[in-house]
């Protein structure tokens, strides 16, 4: 399974659009992960990242949007996880969302 990280040096550069385009063009079984959400939406008592929700819906991913994102703000995450537990949690999420997939798209945070 291949992994591809999509990042940019500025916010709103089109990372999610690029993930959508790549996913449609490559026609492979996709996994998607956005460790740090930055477009928070609240829906049915759940915090979701808008981009995670969009990609999960478009590609029919079985993972719920709140399970694709570790958290939303780095300053809060710093108090929730230390370096070791952050790495462990990200590896767990990545293993789950990439199971049986050909490609794992990892979308970086806004900058």
PDB file of N, CA and C in Angstrom:
ATOM      1  N   UNK A   1       0.835  -1.174   0.000  1.00  0.00           N
ATOM      2  CA  UNK A   1       0.000   0.000   0.000  1.00  0.00           C
ATOM      3  C   UNK A   1       0.882   1.241   0.000  1.00  0.00           C
ATOM      4  N   UNK A   2       0.572   2.130  -0.896  1.00  0.00           N
ATOM      5  CA  UNK A   2       1.312   3.385  -1.018  1.00  0.00           C
ATOM      6  C   UNK A   2       0.677   4.449  -0.131  1.00  0.00           C
ATOM      7  N   UNK A   3       1.503   5.387   0.323  1.00  0.00           N
ATOM      8  CA  UNK A   3       1.034   6.529   1.106  1.00  0.00           C
ATOM      9  C   UNK A   3       1.458   7.800   0.377  1.00  0.00           C
ATOM     10  N   UNK A   4       0.561   8.768   0.326  1.00  0.00           N
ATOM     11  CA  UNK A   4       0.846  10.040  -0.324  1.00  0.00           C
ATOM     12  C   UNK A   4       0.395  11.162   0.592  1.00  0.00           C
ATOM     13  N   UNK A   5       1.334  12.042   0.968  1.00  0.00           N
ATOM     14  CA  UNK A   5       1.021  13.174   1.827  1.00  0.00           C
ATOM     15  C   UNK A   5       0.823  14.408   0.951  1.00  0.00           C
ATOM     16  N   UNK A   6      -0.302  15.084   1.144  1.00  0.00           N
ATOM     17  CA  UNK A   6      -0.623  16.308   0.418  1.00  0.00           C
ATOM     18  C   UNK A   6      -0.477  17.461   1.408  1.00  0.00           C
ATOM     19  N   UNK A   7       0.433  18.372   1.135  1.00  0.00           N
ATOM     20  CA  UNK A   7       0.697  19.491   2.040  1.00  0.00           C
ATOM     21  C   UNK A   7       0.881  20.773   1.236  1.00  0.00           C
ATOM     22  N   UNK A   8       0.887  21.893   1.936  1.00  0.00           N
ATOM     23  CA  UNK A   8       1.147  23.182   1.294  1.00  0.00           C
ATOM     24  C   UNK A   8       1.780  24.118   2.315  1.00  0.00           C
ATOM     25  N   UNK A   9       2.251  25.247   1.826  1.00  0.00           N
ATOM     26  CA  UNK A   9       2.852  26.227   2.730  1.00  0.00           C
ATOM     27  C   UNK A   9       1.892  27.366   3.047  1.00  0.00           C
ATOM     28  N   UNK A  10       0.654  27.253   2.568  1.00  0.00           N
ATOM     29  CA  UNK A  10      -0.356  28.248   2.922  1.00  0.00           C
ATOM     30  C   UNK A  10      -1.720  27.587   3.035  1.00  0.00           C
ATOM     31  N   UNK A  11      -2.613  28.233   3.767  1.00  0.00           N
ATOM     32  CA  UNK A  11      -3.954  27.665   3.921  1.00  0.00           C
ATOM     33  C   UNK A  11      -4.783  27.918   2.669  1.00  0.00           C
ATOM     34  N   UNK A  12      -5.816  27.122   2.508  1.00  0.00           N
ATOM     35  CA  UNK A  12      -6.744  27.220   1.366  1.00  0.00           C
ATOM     36  C   UNK A  12      -6.019  27.144   0.026  1.00  0.00           C
ATOM     37  N   UNK A  13      -5.027  26.279  -0.050  1.00  0.00           N
ATOM     38  CA  UNK A  13      -4.247  26.130  -1.284  1.00  0.00           C
ATOM     39  C   UNK A  13      -4.880  25.122  -2.242  1.00  0.00           C
ATOM     40  N   UNK A  14      -5.850  24.333  -1.768  1.00  0.00           N
ATOM     41  CA  UNK A  14      -6.491  23.352  -2.621  1.00  0.00           C
ATOM     42  C   UNK A  14      -6.083  21.922  -2.335  1.00  0.00           C
ATOM     43  N   UNK A  15      -5.632  21.656  -1.107  1.00  0.00           N
ATOM     44  CA  UNK A  15      -5.210  20.298  -0.753  1.00  0.00           C
ATOM     45  C   UNK A  15      -6.354  19.301  -0.870  1.00  0.00           C
ATOM     46  N   UNK A  16      -7.511  19.659  -0.368  1.00  0.00           N
ATOM     47  CA  UNK A  16      -8.665  18.750  -0.440  1.00  0.00           C
ATOM     48  C   UNK A  16      -9.103  18.544  -1.882  1.00  0.00           C
ATOM     49  N   UNK A  17      -9.092  19.595  -2.659  1.00  0.00           N
ATOM     50  CA  UNK A  17      -9.444  19.471  -4.082  1.00  0.00           C
ATOM     51  C   UNK A  17      -8.467  18.549  -4.799  1.00  0.00           C
ATOM     52  N   UNK A  18      -7.191  18.665  -4.456  1.00  0.00           N
ATOM     53  CA  UNK A  18      -6.180  17.798  -5.049  1.00  0.00           C
ATOM     54  C   UNK A  18      -6.426  16.333  -4.651  1.00  0.00           C
ATOM     55  N   UNK A  19      -6.772  16.107  -3.394  1.00  0.00           N
ATOM     56  CA  UNK A  19      -7.091  14.741  -2.939  1.00  0.00           C
ATOM     57  C   UNK A  19      -8.291  14.189  -3.713  1.00  0.00           C
ATOM     58  N   UNK A  20      -9.318  15.013  -3.895  1.00  0.00           N
ATOM     59  CA  UNK A  20     -10.491  14.578  -4.655  1.00  0.00           C
ATOM     60  C   UNK A  20     -10.110  14.235  -6.090  1.00  0.00           C
ATOM     61  N   UNK A  21      -9.351  15.112  -6.729  1.00  0.00           N
ATOM     62  CA  UNK A  21      -8.940  14.891  -8.112  1.00  0.00           C
ATOM     63  C   UNK A  21      -8.075  13.656  -8.273  1.00  0.00           C
ATOM     64  N   UNK A  22      -7.106  13.500  -7.389  1.00  0.00           N
ATOM     65  CA  UNK A  22      -6.240  12.314  -7.447  1.00  0.00           C
ATOM     66  C   UNK A  22      -7.034  11.036  -7.230  1.00  0.00           C
ATOM     67  N   UNK A  23      -7.912  11.074  -6.254  1.00  0.00           N
ATOM     68  CA  UNK A  23      -8.714   9.897  -5.960  1.00  0.00           C
ATOM     69  C   UNK A  23      -9.579   9.478  -7.134  1.00  0.00           C
ATOM     70  N   UNK A  24     -10.182  10.449  -7.795  1.00  0.00           N
ATOM     71  CA  UNK A  24     -11.024  10.145  -8.960  1.00  0.00           C
ATOM     72  C   UNK A  24     -10.168   9.678 -10.144  1.00  0.00           C
ATOM     73  N   UNK A  25      -9.038  10.327 -10.366  1.00  0.00           N
ATOM     74  CA  UNK A  25      -8.198  10.009 -11.523  1.00  0.00           C
ATOM     75  C   UNK A  25      -7.502   8.657 -11.383  1.00  0.00           C
ATOM     76  N   UNK A  26      -7.068   8.311 -10.186  1.00  0.00           N
ATOM     77  CA  UNK A  26      -6.302   7.078  -9.997  1.00  0.00           C
ATOM     78  C   UNK A  26      -7.166   5.827  -9.973  1.00  0.00           C
ATOM     79  N   UNK A  27      -8.427   5.981  -9.626  1.00  0.00           N
ATOM     80  CA  UNK A  27      -9.369   4.851  -9.621  1.00  0.00           C
ATOM     81  C   UNK A  27      -8.836   3.650  -8.838  1.00  0.00           C
ATOM     82  N   UNK A  28      -8.279   3.920  -7.669  1.00  0.00           N
ATOM     83  CA  UNK A  28      -7.790   2.870  -6.781  1.00  0.00           C
ATOM     84  C   UNK A  28      -8.640   2.857  -5.522  1.00  0.00           C
ATOM     85  N   UNK A  29      -8.509   1.792  -4.748  1.00  0.00           N
ATOM     86  CA  UNK A  29      -9.167   1.751  -3.444  1.00  0.00           C
ATOM     87  C   UNK A  29      -8.424   2.723  -2.538  1.00  0.00           C
ATOM     88  N   UNK A  30      -9.142   3.714  -2.031  1.00  0.00           N
ATOM     89  CA  UNK A  30      -8.522   4.790  -1.262  1.00  0.00           C
ATOM     90  C   UNK A  30      -8.793   4.701   0.220  1.00  0.00           C
ATOM     91  N   UNK A  31      -7.807   5.101   0.981  1.00  0.00           N
ATOM     92  CA  UNK A  31      -7.968   5.429   2.381  1.00  0.00           C
ATOM     93  C   UNK A  31      -7.647   6.904   2.503  1.00  0.00           C
ATOM     94  N   UNK A  32      -8.201   7.578   3.493  1.00  0.00           N
ATOM     95  CA  UNK A  32      -7.967   9.016   3.654  1.00  0.00           C
ATOM     96  C   UNK A  32      -7.785   9.314   5.128  1.00  0.00           C
ATOM     97  N   UNK A  33      -6.850  10.196   5.418  1.00  0.00           N
ATOM     98  CA  UNK A  33      -6.547  10.586   6.789  1.00  0.00           C
ATOM     99  C   UNK A  33      -6.199  12.060   6.807  1.00  0.00           C
ATOM    100  N   UNK A  34      -6.819  12.796   7.713  1.00  0.00           N
ATOM    101  CA  UNK A  34      -6.464  14.199   7.924  1.00  0.00           C
ATOM    102  C   UNK A  34      -6.211  14.352   9.422  1.00  0.00           C
ATOM    103  N   UNK A  35      -4.953  14.163   9.844  1.00  0.00           N
ATOM    104  CA  UNK A  35      -4.654  14.140  11.283  1.00  0.00           C
ATOM    105  C   UNK A  35      -5.105  15.384  12.038  1.00  0.00           C
ATOM    106  N   UNK A  36      -4.877  16.562  11.473  1.00  0.00           N
ATOM    107  CA  UNK A  36      -5.274  17.799  12.142  1.00  0.00           C
ATOM    108  C   UNK A  36      -6.346  18.498  11.323  1.00  0.00           C
ATOM    109  N   UNK A  37      -7.564  18.438  11.816  1.00  0.00           N
ATOM    110  CA  UNK A  37      -8.664  19.121  11.133  1.00  0.00           C
ATOM    111  C   UNK A  37      -8.543  20.623  11.310  1.00  0.00           C
ATOM    112  N   UNK A  38      -9.049  21.371  10.344  1.00  0.00           N
ATOM    113  CA  UNK A  38      -9.001  22.827  10.473  1.00  0.00           C
ATOM    114  C   UNK A  38     -10.279  23.508   9.991  1.00  0.00           C
ATOM    115  N   UNK A  39     -11.243  22.730   9.543  1.00  0.00           N
ATOM    116  CA  UNK A  39     -12.523  23.289   9.108  1.00  0.00           C
ATOM    117  C   UNK A  39     -13.625  22.603   9.912  1.00  0.00           C
ATOM    118  N   UNK A  40     -13.734  23.010  11.158  1.00  0.00           N
ATOM    119  CA  UNK A  40     -14.605  22.379  12.139  1.00  0.00           C
ATOM    120  C   UNK A  40     -16.082  22.580  11.797  1.00  0.00           C
ATOM    121  N   UNK A  41     -16.843  21.475  11.842  1.00  0.00           N
ATOM    122  CA  UNK A  41     -18.296  21.555  11.767  1.00  0.00           C
ATOM    123  C   UNK A  41     -18.857  20.688  12.885  1.00  0.00           C
ATOM    124  N   UNK A  42     -20.009  21.078  13.381  1.00  0.00           N
ATOM    125  CA  UNK A  42     -20.681  20.333  14.447  1.00  0.00           C
ATOM    126  C   UNK A  42     -21.955  19.758  13.853  1.00  0.00           C
ATOM    127  N   UNK A  43     -22.090  18.430  13.915  1.00  0.00           N
ATOM    128  CA  UNK A  43     -23.251  17.784  13.326  1.00  0.00           C
ATOM    129  C   UNK A  43     -23.667  16.607  14.190  1.00  0.00           C
ATOM    130  N   UNK A  44     -24.911  16.605  14.630  1.00  0.00           N
ATOM    131  CA  UNK A  44     -25.460  15.515  15.423  1.00  0.00           C
ATOM    132  C   UNK A  44     -24.557  15.135  16.606  1.00  0.00           C
ATOM    133  N   UNK A  45     -24.177  16.135  17.372  1.00  0.00           N
ATOM    134  CA  UNK A  45     -23.358  15.968  18.575  1.00  0.00           C
ATOM    135  C   UNK A  45     -21.965  15.415  18.308  1.00  0.00           C
ATOM    136  N   UNK A  46     -21.458  15.609  17.091  1.00  0.00           N
ATOM    137  CA  UNK A  46     -20.114  15.172  16.736  1.00  0.00           C
ATOM    138  C   UNK A  46     -19.360  16.340  16.116  1.00  0.00           C
ATOM    139  N   UNK A  47     -18.065  16.425  16.417  1.00  0.00           N
ATOM    140  CA  UNK A  47     -17.198  17.398  15.767  1.00  0.00           C
ATOM    141  C   UNK A  47     -16.541  16.727  14.575  1.00  0.00           C
ATOM    142  N   UNK A  48     -16.688  17.303  13.404  1.00  0.00           N
ATOM    143  CA  UNK A  48     -16.128  16.768  12.172  1.00  0.00           C
ATOM    144  C   UNK A  48     -15.303  17.825  11.502  1.00  0.00           C
ATOM    145  N   UNK A  49     -14.382  17.376  10.716  1.00  0.00           N
ATOM    146  CA  UNK A  49     -13.669  18.265   9.810  1.00  0.00           C
ATOM    147  C   UNK A  49     -14.427  18.242   8.489  1.00  0.00           C
ATOM    148  N   UNK A  50     -14.717  19.399   7.940  1.00  0.00           N
ATOM    149  CA  UNK A  50     -15.494  19.483   6.701  1.00  0.00           C
ATOM    150  C   UNK A  50     -14.842  18.685   5.569  1.00  0.00           C
ATOM    151  N   UNK A  51     -13.532  18.825   5.410  1.00  0.00           N
ATOM    152  CA  UNK A  51     -12.835  18.128   4.325  1.00  0.00           C
ATOM    153  C   UNK A  51     -12.915  16.612   4.503  1.00  0.00           C
ATOM    154  N   UNK A  52     -12.752  16.139   5.734  1.00  0.00           N
ATOM    155  CA  UNK A  52     -12.859  14.701   6.003  1.00  0.00           C
ATOM    156  C   UNK A  52     -14.251  14.197   5.667  1.00  0.00           C
ATOM    157  N   UNK A  53     -15.255  14.977   6.029  1.00  0.00           N
ATOM    158  CA  UNK A  53     -16.628  14.612   5.736  1.00  0.00           C
ATOM    159  C   UNK A  53     -16.866  14.546   4.224  1.00  0.00           C
ATOM    160  N   UNK A  54     -16.365  15.532   3.511  1.00  0.00           N
ATOM    161  CA  UNK A  54     -16.528  15.591   2.058  1.00  0.00           C
ATOM    162  C   UNK A  54     -15.874  14.385   1.379  1.00  0.00           C
ATOM    163  N   UNK A  55     -14.623  14.111   1.704  1.00  0.00           N
ATOM    164  CA  UNK A  55     -13.926  12.994   1.061  1.00  0.00           C
ATOM    165  C   UNK A  55     -14.536  11.650   1.441  1.00  0.00           C
ATOM    166  N   UNK A  56     -14.962  11.494   2.687  1.00  0.00           N
ATOM    167  CA  UNK A  56     -15.613  10.247   3.098  1.00  0.00           C
ATOM    168  C   UNK A  56     -16.895  10.030   2.295  1.00  0.00           C
ATOM    169  N   UNK A  57     -17.642  11.096   2.087  1.00  0.00           N
ATOM    170  CA  UNK A  57     -18.899  10.992   1.337  1.00  0.00           C
ATOM    171  C   UNK A  57     -18.645  10.715  -0.143  1.00  0.00           C
ATOM    172  N   UNK A  58     -17.740  11.460  -0.762  1.00  0.00           N
ATOM    173  CA  UNK A  58     -17.473  11.315  -2.191  1.00  0.00           C
ATOM    174  C   UNK A  58     -16.925   9.931  -2.521  1.00  0.00           C
ATOM    175  N   UNK A  59     -16.021   9.423  -1.704  1.00  0.00           N
ATOM    176  CA  UNK A  59     -15.389   8.141  -1.990  1.00  0.00           C
ATOM    177  C   UNK A  59     -16.067   6.959  -1.290  1.00  0.00           C
ATOM    178  N   UNK A  60     -17.154   7.223  -0.580  1.00  0.00           N
ATOM    179  CA  UNK A  60     -17.884   6.142   0.070  1.00  0.00           C
ATOM    180  C   UNK A  60     -17.066   5.401   1.105  1.00  0.00           C
ATOM    181  N   UNK A  61     -16.253   6.135   1.852  1.00  0.00           N
ATOM    182  CA  UNK A  61     -15.405   5.512   2.873  1.00  0.00           C
ATOM    183  C   UNK A  61     -16.249   5.042   4.044  1.00  0.00           C
ATOM    184  N   UNK A  62     -15.905   3.881   4.588  1.00  0.00           N
ATOM    185  CA  UNK A  62     -16.668   3.334   5.709  1.00  0.00           C
ATOM    186  C   UNK A  62     -16.367   4.067   7.014  1.00  0.00           C
ATOM    187  N   UNK A  63     -15.223   4.744   7.065  1.00  0.00           N
ATOM    188  CA  UNK A  63     -14.827   5.449   8.284  1.00  0.00           C
ATOM    189  C   UNK A  63     -15.629   6.732   8.434  1.00  0.00           C
ATOM    190  N   UNK A  64     -16.086   6.969   9.644  1.00  0.00           N
ATOM    191  CA  UNK A  64     -16.819   8.215   9.906  1.00  0.00           C
ATOM    192  C   UNK A  64     -15.827   9.362   9.952  1.00  0.00           C
ATOM    193  N   UNK A  65     -16.263  10.558   9.549  1.00  0.00           N
ATOM    194  CA  UNK A  65     -15.343  11.707   9.503  1.00  0.00           C
ATOM    195  C   UNK A  65     -14.632  11.997  10.822  1.00  0.00           C
ATOM    196  N   UNK A  66     -15.303  11.787  11.944  1.00  0.00           N
ATOM    197  CA  UNK A  66     -14.650  12.064  13.228  1.00  0.00           C
ATOM    198  C   UNK A  66     -13.588  11.036  13.568  1.00  0.00           C
ATOM    199  N   UNK A  67     -13.566   9.900  12.852  1.00  0.00           N
ATOM    200  CA  UNK A  67     -12.548   8.872  13.076  1.00  0.00           C
ATOM    201  C   UNK A  67     -11.336   9.041  12.159  1.00  0.00           C
ATOM    202  N   UNK A  68     -11.414   9.969  11.228  1.00  0.00           N
ATOM    203  CA  UNK A  68     -10.340  10.208  10.260  1.00  0.00           C
ATOM    204  C   UNK A  68      -9.407  11.309  10.762  1.00  0.00           C
ATOM    205  N   UNK A  69      -9.861  12.066  11.751  1.00  0.00           N
ATOM    206  CA  UNK A  69      -9.118  13.224  12.255  1.00  0.00           C
ATOM    207  C   UNK A  69      -8.770  13.018  13.724  1.00  0.00           C
ATOM    208  N   UNK A  70      -7.514  13.268  14.061  1.00  0.00           N
ATOM    209  CA  UNK A  70      -7.053  13.133  15.443  1.00  0.00           C
ATOM    210  C   UNK A  70      -7.637  14.241  16.322  1.00  0.00           C
ATOM    211  N   UNK A  71      -7.652  15.458  15.821  1.00  0.00           N
ATOM    212  CA  UNK A  71      -8.162  16.589  16.576  1.00  0.00           C
ATOM    213  C   UNK A  71      -8.130  17.848  15.744  1.00  0.00           C
ATOM    214  N   UNK A  72      -8.379  18.983  16.391  1.00  0.00           N
ATOM    215  CA  UNK A  72      -8.551  20.209  15.635  1.00  0.00           C
ATOM    216  C   UNK A  72      -7.530  21.307  15.907  1.00  0.00           C
ATOM    217  N   UNK A  73      -7.116  21.486  17.095  1.00  0.00           N
ATOM    218  CA  UNK A  73      -6.201  22.591  17.346  1.00  0.00           C
ATOM    219  C   UNK A  73      -4.956  22.066  18.048  1.00  0.00           C
ATOM    220  N   UNK A  74      -3.801  22.378  17.474  1.00  0.00           N
ATOM    221  CA  UNK A  74      -2.557  21.815  18.009  1.00  0.00           C
ATOM    222  C   UNK A  74      -2.325  22.158  19.468  1.00  0.00           C
ATOM    223  N   UNK A  75      -2.780  23.344  19.914  1.00  0.00           N
ATOM    224  CA  UNK A  75      -2.541  23.699  21.316  1.00  0.00           C
ATOM    225  C   UNK A  75      -3.360  22.816  22.258  1.00  0.00           C
ATOM    226  N   UNK A  76      -4.563  22.409  21.864  1.00  0.00           N
ATOM    227  CA  UNK A  76      -5.346  21.490  22.681  1.00  0.00           C
ATOM    228  C   UNK A  76      -4.776  20.082  22.609  1.00  0.00           C
ATOM    229  N   UNK A  77      -4.360  19.681  21.430  1.00  0.00           N
ATOM    230  CA  UNK A  77      -3.802  18.335  21.266  1.00  0.00           C
ATOM    231  C   UNK A  77      -2.524  18.156  22.066  1.00  0.00           C
ATOM    232  N   UNK A  78      -1.774  19.234  22.214  1.00  0.00           N
ATOM    233  CA  UNK A  78      -0.530  19.175  22.978  1.00  0.00           C
ATOM    234  C   UNK A  78      -0.789  18.734  24.413  1.00  0.00           C
ATOM    235  N   UNK A  79      -1.967  19.086  24.951  1.00  0.00           N
ATOM    236  CA  UNK A  79      -2.296  18.707  26.322  1.00  0.00           C
ATOM    237  C   UNK A  79      -3.007  17.364  26.390  1.00  0.00           C
ATOM    238  N   UNK A  80      -3.547  16.903  25.272  1.00  0.00           N
ATOM    239  CA  UNK A  80      -4.237  15.621  25.246  1.00  0.00           C
ATOM    240  C   UNK A  80      -3.275  14.458  24.996  1.00  0.00           C
ATOM    241  N   UNK A  81      -2.239  14.708  24.204  1.00  0.00           N
ATOM    242  CA  UNK A  81      -1.312  13.653  23.808  1.00  0.00           C
ATOM    243  C   UNK A  81       0.125  14.125  23.989  1.00  0.00           C
ATOM    244  N   UNK A  82       1.001  13.204  24.357  1.00  0.00           N
ATOM    245  CA  UNK A  82       2.416  13.516  24.303  1.00  0.00           C
ATOM    246  C   UNK A  82       2.942  12.977  22.968  1.00  0.00           C
ATOM    247  N   UNK A  83       4.223  13.132  22.702  1.00  0.00           N
ATOM    248  CA  UNK A  83       4.801  12.718  21.420  1.00  0.00           C
ATOM    249  C   UNK A  83       4.562  11.240  21.142  1.00  0.00           C
ATOM    250  N   UNK A  84       4.802  10.418  22.126  1.00  0.00           N
ATOM    251  CA  UNK A  84       4.674   8.980  21.941  1.00  0.00           C
ATOM    252  C   UNK A  84       3.220   8.570  21.680  1.00  0.00           C
ATOM    253  N   UNK A  85       2.291   9.101  22.477  1.00  0.00           N
ATOM    254  CA  UNK A  85       0.888   8.707  22.299  1.00  0.00           C
ATOM    255  C   UNK A  85       0.292   9.296  21.016  1.00  0.00           C
ATOM    256  N   UNK A  86       0.789  10.448  20.573  1.00  0.00           N
ATOM    257  CA  UNK A  86       0.333  11.014  19.303  1.00  0.00           C
ATOM    258  C   UNK A  86       0.723  10.094  18.154  1.00  0.00           C
ATOM    259  N   UNK A  87       1.973   9.671  18.141  1.00  0.00           N
ATOM    260  CA  UNK A  87       2.445   8.757  17.111  1.00  0.00           C
ATOM    261  C   UNK A  87       1.681   7.453  17.125  1.00  0.00           C
ATOM    262  N   UNK A  88       1.437   6.916  18.315  1.00  0.00           N
ATOM    263  CA  UNK A  88       0.709   5.656  18.447  1.00  0.00           C
ATOM    264  C   UNK A  88      -0.707   5.800  17.910  1.00  0.00           C
ATOM    265  N   UNK A  89      -1.385   6.874  18.280  1.00  0.00           N
ATOM    266  CA  UNK A  89      -2.767   7.099  17.832  1.00  0.00           C
ATOM    267  C   UNK A  89      -2.819   7.286  16.314  1.00  0.00           C
ATOM    268  N   UNK A  90      -1.885   8.034  15.760  1.00  0.00           N
ATOM    269  CA  UNK A  90      -1.860   8.234  14.303  1.00  0.00           C
ATOM    270  C   UNK A  90      -1.596   6.931  13.560  1.00  0.00           C
ATOM    271  N   UNK A  91      -0.710   6.109  14.082  1.00  0.00           N
ATOM    272  CA  UNK A  91      -0.455   4.803  13.455  1.00  0.00           C
ATOM    273  C   UNK A  91      -1.694   3.908  13.497  1.00  0.00           C
ATOM    274  N   UNK A  92      -2.419   3.951  14.620  1.00  0.00           N
ATOM    275  CA  UNK A  92      -3.657   3.172  14.736  1.00  0.00           C
ATOM    276  C   UNK A  92      -4.691   3.623  13.712  1.00  0.00           C
ATOM    277  N   UNK A  93      -4.890   4.929  13.598  1.00  0.00           N
ATOM    278  CA  UNK A  93      -5.861   5.466  12.642  1.00  0.00           C
ATOM    279  C   UNK A  93      -5.439   5.108  11.220  1.00  0.00           C
ATOM    280  N   UNK A  94      -4.160   5.316  10.901  1.00  0.00           N
ATOM    281  CA  UNK A  94      -3.658   5.031   9.553  1.00  0.00           C
ATOM    282  C   UNK A  94      -3.820   3.551   9.213  1.00  0.00           C
ATOM    283  N   UNK A  95      -3.544   2.664  10.148  1.00  0.00           N
ATOM    284  CA  UNK A  95      -3.690   1.235   9.894  1.00  0.00           C
ATOM    285  C   UNK A  95      -5.149   0.881   9.631  1.00  0.00           C
ATOM    286  N   UNK A  96      -6.046   1.475  10.397  1.00  0.00           N
ATOM    287  CA  UNK A  96      -7.470   1.181  10.233  1.00  0.00           C
ATOM    288  C   UNK A  96      -8.013   1.696   8.896  1.00  0.00           C
ATOM    289  N   UNK A  97      -7.702   2.945   8.553  1.00  0.00           N
ATOM    290  CA  UNK A  97      -8.276   3.523   7.331  1.00  0.00           C
ATOM    291  C   UNK A  97      -7.602   3.011   6.063  1.00  0.00           C
ATOM    292  N   UNK A  98      -6.425   2.404   6.186  1.00  0.00           N
ATOM    293  CA  UNK A  98      -5.730   1.903   4.997  1.00  0.00           C
ATOM    294  C   UNK A  98      -5.920   0.409   4.774  1.00  0.00           C
ATOM    295  N   UNK A  99      -6.609  -0.245   5.688  1.00  0.00           N
ATOM    296  CA  UNK A  99      -6.800  -1.693   5.577  1.00  0.00           C
ATOM    297  C   UNK A  99      -7.543  -2.043   4.283  1.00  0.00           C
ATOM    298  N   UNK A 100      -6.907  -2.881   3.464  1.00  0.00           N
ATOM    299  CA  UNK A 100      -7.509  -3.320   2.208  1.00  0.00           C
ATOM    300  C   UNK A 100      -7.501  -2.274   1.102  1.00  0.00           C
ATOM    301  N   UNK A 101      -6.722  -1.208   1.283  1.00  0.00           N
ATOM    302  CA  UNK A 101      -6.682  -0.120   0.304  1.00  0.00           C
ATOM    303  C   UNK A 101      -5.387  -0.168  -0.497  1.00  0.00           C
ATOM    304  N   UNK A 102      -5.416   0.435  -1.693  1.00  0.00           N
ATOM    305  CA  UNK A 102      -4.229   0.530  -2.538  1.00  0.00           C
ATOM    306  C   UNK A 102      -3.416   1.784  -2.230  1.00  0.00           C
ATOM    307  N   UNK A 103      -4.117   2.849  -1.792  1.00  0.00           N
ATOM    308  CA  UNK A 103      -3.476   4.147  -1.586  1.00  0.00           C
ATOM    309  C   UNK A 103      -4.061   4.827  -0.371  1.00  0.00           C
ATOM    310  N   UNK A 104      -3.198   5.382   0.471  1.00  0.00           N
ATOM    311  CA  UNK A 104      -3.637   6.181   1.613  1.00  0.00           C
ATOM    312  C   UNK A 104      -3.262   7.628   1.339  1.00  0.00           C
ATOM    313  N   UNK A 105      -4.271   8.488   1.215  1.00  0.00           N
ATOM    314  CA  UNK A 105      -4.037   9.922   1.065  1.00  0.00           C
ATOM    315  C   UNK A 105      -4.034  10.536   2.453  1.00  0.00           C
ATOM    316  N   UNK A 106      -2.967  11.272   2.766  1.00  0.00           N
ATOM    317  CA  UNK A 106      -2.846  11.934   4.056  1.00  0.00           C
ATOM    318  C   UNK A 106      -2.805  13.434   3.776  1.00  0.00           C
ATOM    319  N   UNK A 107      -3.838  14.129   4.250  1.00  0.00           N
ATOM    320  CA  UNK A 107      -3.909  15.575   4.014  1.00  0.00           C
ATOM    321  C   UNK A 107      -3.371  16.309   5.241  1.00  0.00           C
ATOM    322  N   UNK A 108      -2.363  17.116   5.013  1.00  0.00           N
ATOM    323  CA  UNK A 108      -1.753  17.884   6.099  1.00  0.00           C
ATOM    324  C   UNK A 108      -2.674  19.029   6.538  1.00  0.00           C
ATOM    325  N   UNK A 109      -2.315  19.642   7.646  1.00  0.00           N
ATOM    326  CA  UNK A 109      -3.079  20.784   8.153  1.00  0.00           C
ATOM    327  C   UNK A 109      -2.878  22.004   7.262  1.00  0.00           C
ATOM    328  N   UNK A 110      -3.480  23.099   7.646  1.00  0.00           N
ATOM    329  CA  UNK A 110      -3.555  24.265   6.765  1.00  0.00           C
ATOM    330  C   UNK A 110      -2.221  24.859   6.361  1.00  0.00           C
ATOM    331  N   UNK A 111      -1.182  24.733   7.150  1.00  0.00           N
ATOM    332  CA  UNK A 111       0.129  25.282   6.752  1.00  0.00           C
ATOM    333  C   UNK A 111       1.234  24.325   7.113  1.00  0.00           C
TER     334      UNK A 111
END
